[in-house]
Amino acid sequence: MNKLTVVKTLPIAIIAGITTGMGNGSVFGAAVMCAVGRGPYESWGGWGMEAYDPGTFSGFVDAMMLLFGVAFAIIVTAAWVKHGTLEAAATAKGAK
């Protein structure tokens, strides 16, 4: 029986995935800004909802952080569920 179900792994996957993915997203956003330049942004986007508008400097980096965070949380959850499936199959095979 798979002990690593989505319900059991999701809370930890969200914490681990979002924090790690957001860190990677901020580095990606900063690297893109270094590679292509700051761009013709009218606002740096640090106030209110502008901070999440991908059309602003800060908003682009924040959007990448959220995107990478959610994607990494999904990847971590899928990996843990697959690991639980493989572990359950190996345990069942060894028990026979």
N, C-alpha and C. Protein backbone atom coordinates (compact mmCIF):
# COMPACT_ATOMS: atom_id res chain seq x y z
N MET A 1 0.84 -1.18 0.00
CA MET A 1 0.00 0.00 0.00
C MET A 1 0.89 1.25 0.00
N ASN A 2 0.56 2.16 -0.86
CA ASN A 2 1.33 3.40 -0.98
C ASN A 2 1.03 4.31 0.21
N LYS A 3 2.04 4.54 1.04
CA LYS A 3 1.87 5.40 2.21
C LYS A 3 2.10 6.87 1.86
N LEU A 4 2.68 7.15 0.70
CA LEU A 4 2.95 8.52 0.29
C LEU A 4 1.89 9.00 -0.70
N THR A 5 0.71 9.23 -0.21
CA THR A 5 -0.38 9.71 -1.06
C THR A 5 -0.29 11.23 -1.20
N VAL A 6 -1.07 11.76 -2.13
CA VAL A 6 -1.08 13.21 -2.35
C VAL A 6 -1.54 13.92 -1.08
N VAL A 7 -2.53 13.40 -0.42
CA VAL A 7 -3.07 14.04 0.79
C VAL A 7 -1.99 14.13 1.87
N LYS A 8 -1.19 13.09 2.01
CA LYS A 8 -0.16 13.08 3.05
C LYS A 8 1.06 13.92 2.68
N THR A 9 1.39 14.01 1.42
CA THR A 9 2.61 14.71 1.02
C THR A 9 2.38 16.17 0.62
N LEU A 10 1.16 16.55 0.32
CA LEU A 10 0.90 17.89 -0.20
C LEU A 10 1.32 19.03 0.74
N PRO A 11 1.02 18.97 2.05
CA PRO A 11 1.44 20.10 2.90
C PRO A 11 2.95 20.32 2.90
N ILE A 12 3.72 19.27 3.02
CA ILE A 12 5.18 19.41 3.02
C ILE A 12 5.67 19.77 1.62
N ALA A 13 5.05 19.23 0.59
CA ALA A 13 5.45 19.54 -0.78
C ALA A 13 5.20 21.01 -1.09
N ILE A 14 4.14 21.57 -0.57
CA ILE A 14 3.87 23.00 -0.79
C ILE A 14 4.96 23.84 -0.13
N ILE A 15 5.30 23.50 1.11
CA ILE A 15 6.34 24.26 1.82
C ILE A 15 7.68 24.12 1.11
N ALA A 16 8.10 22.88 0.86
CA ALA A 16 9.40 22.65 0.21
C ALA A 16 9.40 23.15 -1.22
N GLY A 17 8.35 22.88 -1.94
CA GLY A 17 8.28 23.25 -3.35
C GLY A 17 8.20 24.75 -3.57
N ILE A 18 7.34 25.40 -2.82
CA ILE A 18 7.18 26.84 -3.00
C ILE A 18 8.45 27.59 -2.60
N THR A 19 9.04 27.23 -1.47
CA THR A 19 10.24 27.97 -1.04
C THR A 19 11.42 27.72 -1.99
N THR A 20 11.63 26.48 -2.38
CA THR A 20 12.73 26.18 -3.30
C THR A 20 12.46 26.74 -4.69
N GLY A 21 11.25 26.53 -5.18
CA GLY A 21 10.89 27.02 -6.50
C GLY A 21 10.91 28.53 -6.60
N MET A 22 10.47 29.21 -5.55
CA MET A 22 10.48 30.68 -5.58
C MET A 22 11.91 31.20 -5.56
N GLY A 23 12.78 30.51 -4.86
CA GLY A 23 14.20 30.89 -4.89
C GLY A 23 14.77 30.75 -6.29
N ASN A 24 14.44 29.64 -6.94
CA ASN A 24 14.90 29.44 -8.32
C ASN A 24 14.27 30.45 -9.27
N GLY A 25 13.01 30.79 -9.04
CA GLY A 25 12.33 31.77 -9.88
C GLY A 25 12.92 33.15 -9.76
N SER A 26 13.34 33.52 -8.56
CA SER A 26 13.95 34.85 -8.39
C SER A 26 15.29 34.92 -9.09
N VAL A 27 16.05 33.82 -9.04
CA VAL A 27 17.33 33.79 -9.75
C VAL A 27 17.09 33.84 -11.25
N PHE A 28 16.09 33.10 -11.74
CA PHE A 28 15.77 33.13 -13.16
C PHE A 28 15.35 34.53 -13.59
N GLY A 29 14.47 35.16 -12.80
CA GLY A 29 14.01 36.50 -13.13
C GLY A 29 15.16 37.50 -13.16
N ALA A 30 16.05 37.40 -12.19
CA ALA A 30 17.20 38.30 -12.15
C ALA A 30 18.14 38.02 -13.32
N ALA A 31 18.34 36.76 -13.67
CA ALA A 31 19.21 36.41 -14.80
C ALA A 31 18.64 36.93 -16.12
N VAL A 32 17.33 36.82 -16.27
CA VAL A 32 16.70 37.34 -17.49
C VAL A 32 16.88 38.85 -17.56
N MET A 33 16.69 39.52 -16.43
CA MET A 33 16.86 40.97 -16.41
C MET A 33 18.31 41.36 -16.72
N CYS A 34 19.27 40.58 -16.24
CA CYS A 34 20.68 40.87 -16.54
C CYS A 34 20.98 40.61 -18.01
N ALA A 35 20.37 39.57 -18.57
CA ALA A 35 20.66 39.18 -19.95
C ALA A 35 20.01 40.12 -20.97
N VAL A 36 18.79 40.51 -20.73
CA VAL A 36 18.08 41.31 -21.73
C VAL A 36 17.91 42.77 -21.32
N GLY A 37 18.32 43.09 -20.13
CA GLY A 37 18.18 44.46 -19.68
C GLY A 37 16.89 44.67 -18.92
N ARG A 38 16.79 45.79 -18.30
CA ARG A 38 15.64 46.09 -17.46
C ARG A 38 14.37 46.22 -18.28
N GLY A 39 14.46 46.61 -19.50
CA GLY A 39 13.28 46.74 -20.34
C GLY A 39 12.64 48.10 -20.21
N PRO A 40 11.66 48.38 -21.07
CA PRO A 40 11.02 49.70 -21.08
C PRO A 40 9.87 49.80 -20.07
N TYR A 41 10.11 49.39 -18.83
CA TYR A 41 9.05 49.42 -17.83
C TYR A 41 8.78 50.86 -17.39
N GLU A 42 7.51 51.23 -17.36
CA GLU A 42 7.14 52.57 -16.89
C GLU A 42 7.24 52.65 -15.37
N SER A 43 7.05 51.54 -14.71
CA SER A 43 7.08 51.50 -13.25
C SER A 43 7.91 50.31 -12.82
N TRP A 44 8.60 50.45 -11.71
CA TRP A 44 9.36 49.30 -11.21
C TRP A 44 8.44 48.30 -10.56
N GLY A 45 7.20 48.68 -10.22
CA GLY A 45 6.18 47.74 -9.78
C GLY A 45 6.24 47.32 -8.34
N GLY A 46 6.74 48.14 -7.48
CA GLY A 46 6.88 47.73 -6.08
C GLY A 46 5.72 48.05 -5.18
N TRP A 47 4.64 48.65 -5.69
CA TRP A 47 3.54 49.08 -4.84
C TRP A 47 2.26 48.33 -5.16
N GLY A 48 1.60 47.82 -4.14
CA GLY A 48 0.29 47.20 -4.29
C GLY A 48 0.30 46.04 -5.29
N MET A 49 -0.72 46.02 -6.12
CA MET A 49 -0.86 44.93 -7.09
C MET A 49 0.14 45.03 -8.25
N GLU A 50 0.79 46.21 -8.41
CA GLU A 50 1.82 46.33 -9.44
C GLU A 50 2.97 45.36 -9.19
N ALA A 51 3.14 44.97 -7.94
CA ALA A 51 4.22 44.05 -7.60
C ALA A 51 4.01 42.67 -8.23
N TYR A 52 2.80 42.37 -8.67
CA TYR A 52 2.50 41.07 -9.29
C TYR A 52 2.14 41.20 -10.77
N ASP A 53 2.29 42.38 -11.33
CA ASP A 53 2.02 42.60 -12.75
C ASP A 53 3.28 42.28 -13.54
N PRO A 54 3.26 41.23 -14.38
CA PRO A 54 4.46 40.86 -15.13
C PRO A 54 4.96 41.94 -16.08
N GLY A 55 4.19 42.98 -16.29
CA GLY A 55 4.62 44.07 -17.15
C GLY A 55 5.49 45.10 -16.44
N THR A 56 5.76 44.88 -15.16
CA THR A 56 6.65 45.77 -14.41
C THR A 56 7.91 45.00 -14.05
N PHE A 57 8.94 45.71 -13.68
CA PHE A 57 10.23 45.10 -13.35
C PHE A 57 10.09 44.13 -12.18
N SER A 58 9.57 44.60 -11.07
CA SER A 58 9.41 43.76 -9.89
C SER A 58 8.35 42.68 -10.14
N GLY A 59 7.31 43.03 -10.86
CA GLY A 59 6.24 42.08 -11.14
C GLY A 59 6.69 40.90 -11.97
N PHE A 60 7.63 41.12 -12.90
CA PHE A 60 8.14 40.01 -13.70
C PHE A 60 8.86 39.00 -12.81
N VAL A 61 9.70 39.51 -11.93
CA VAL A 61 10.43 38.62 -11.02
C VAL A 61 9.46 37.91 -10.08
N ASP A 62 8.47 38.62 -9.54
CA ASP A 62 7.48 38.00 -8.66
C ASP A 62 6.65 36.95 -9.39
N ALA A 63 6.28 37.23 -10.63
CA ALA A 63 5.51 36.26 -11.42
C ALA A 63 6.33 35.00 -11.66
N MET A 64 7.63 35.16 -11.94
CA MET A 64 8.49 33.99 -12.15
C MET A 64 8.64 33.20 -10.85
N MET A 65 8.73 33.90 -9.73
CA MET A 65 8.84 33.22 -8.44
C MET A 65 7.59 32.38 -8.17
N LEU A 66 6.42 32.94 -8.41
CA LEU A 66 5.18 32.20 -8.18
C LEU A 66 5.05 31.01 -9.15
N LEU A 67 5.39 31.25 -10.41
CA LEU A 67 5.31 30.18 -11.41
C LEU A 67 6.26 29.03 -11.06
N PHE A 68 7.51 29.34 -10.75
CA PHE A 68 8.47 28.31 -10.40
C PHE A 68 8.08 27.61 -9.10
N GLY A 69 7.54 28.36 -8.13
CA GLY A 69 7.13 27.77 -6.86
C GLY A 69 6.03 26.75 -7.03
N VAL A 70 5.00 27.10 -7.78
CA VAL A 70 3.88 26.18 -8.01
C VAL A 70 4.35 24.97 -8.82
N ALA A 71 5.15 25.22 -9.85
CA ALA A 71 5.64 24.10 -10.69
C ALA A 71 6.50 23.14 -9.87
N PHE A 72 7.37 23.67 -9.03
CA PHE A 72 8.24 22.80 -8.24
C PHE A 72 7.43 22.03 -7.20
N ALA A 73 6.40 22.64 -6.61
CA ALA A 73 5.55 21.93 -5.66
C ALA A 73 4.83 20.77 -6.34
N ILE A 74 4.38 20.96 -7.57
CA ILE A 74 3.73 19.88 -8.33
C ILE A 74 4.73 18.77 -8.62
N ILE A 75 5.95 19.14 -9.01
CA ILE A 75 6.98 18.14 -9.30
C ILE A 75 7.34 17.33 -8.05
N VAL A 76 7.49 18.01 -6.92
CA VAL A 76 7.83 17.32 -5.66
C VAL A 76 6.71 16.36 -5.26
N THR A 77 5.46 16.80 -5.37
CA THR A 77 4.34 15.93 -5.02
C THR A 77 4.31 14.70 -5.93
N ALA A 78 4.47 14.90 -7.22
CA ALA A 78 4.47 13.77 -8.16
C ALA A 78 5.61 12.80 -7.87
N ALA A 79 6.78 13.33 -7.54
CA ALA A 79 7.93 12.47 -7.24
C ALA A 79 7.69 11.65 -5.98
N TRP A 80 7.15 12.27 -4.95
CA TRP A 80 6.89 11.54 -3.71
C TRP A 80 5.83 10.47 -3.90
N VAL A 81 4.78 10.76 -4.65
CA VAL A 81 3.74 9.77 -4.89
C VAL A 81 4.31 8.60 -5.69
N LYS A 82 5.11 8.89 -6.71
CA LYS A 82 5.74 7.82 -7.50
C LYS A 82 6.69 7.00 -6.63
N HIS A 83 7.46 7.66 -5.77
CA HIS A 83 8.35 6.94 -4.87
C HIS A 83 7.56 6.01 -3.96
N GLY A 84 6.43 6.51 -3.44
CA GLY A 84 5.59 5.67 -2.59
C GLY A 84 5.04 4.47 -3.34
N THR A 85 4.66 4.66 -4.59
CA THR A 85 4.16 3.56 -5.42
C THR A 85 5.24 2.51 -5.65
N LEU A 86 6.44 2.94 -5.99
CA LEU A 86 7.55 2.01 -6.21
C LEU A 86 7.93 1.28 -4.91
N GLU A 87 7.93 2.01 -3.81
CA GLU A 87 8.26 1.40 -2.52
C GLU A 87 7.22 0.37 -2.12
N ALA A 88 5.95 0.67 -2.35
CA ALA A 88 4.87 -0.27 -2.02
C ALA A 88 4.97 -1.52 -2.88
N ALA A 89 5.30 -1.34 -4.17
CA ALA A 89 5.45 -2.50 -5.06
C ALA A 89 6.63 -3.37 -4.64
N ALA A 90 7.73 -2.75 -4.26
CA ALA A 90 8.91 -3.51 -3.83
C ALA A 90 8.64 -4.24 -2.52
N THR A 91 7.91 -3.61 -1.62
CA THR A 91 7.57 -4.24 -0.34
C THR A 91 6.63 -5.41 -0.56
N ALA A 92 5.64 -5.23 -1.45
CA ALA A 92 4.70 -6.31 -1.73
C ALA A 92 5.40 -7.47 -2.42
N LYS A 93 6.34 -7.17 -3.30
CA LYS A 93 7.08 -8.23 -4.00
C LYS A 93 7.97 -8.99 -3.04
N GLY A 94 8.58 -8.28 -2.10
CA GLY A 94 9.45 -8.92 -1.12
C GLY A 94 8.69 -9.74 -0.09
N ALA A 95 7.42 -9.41 0.14
CA ALA A 95 6.61 -10.12 1.11
C ALA A 95 6.08 -11.44 0.59
N LYS A 96 6.09 -11.60 -0.74
CA LYS A 96 5.54 -12.85 -1.32
C LYS A 96 6.47 -14.00 -1.19
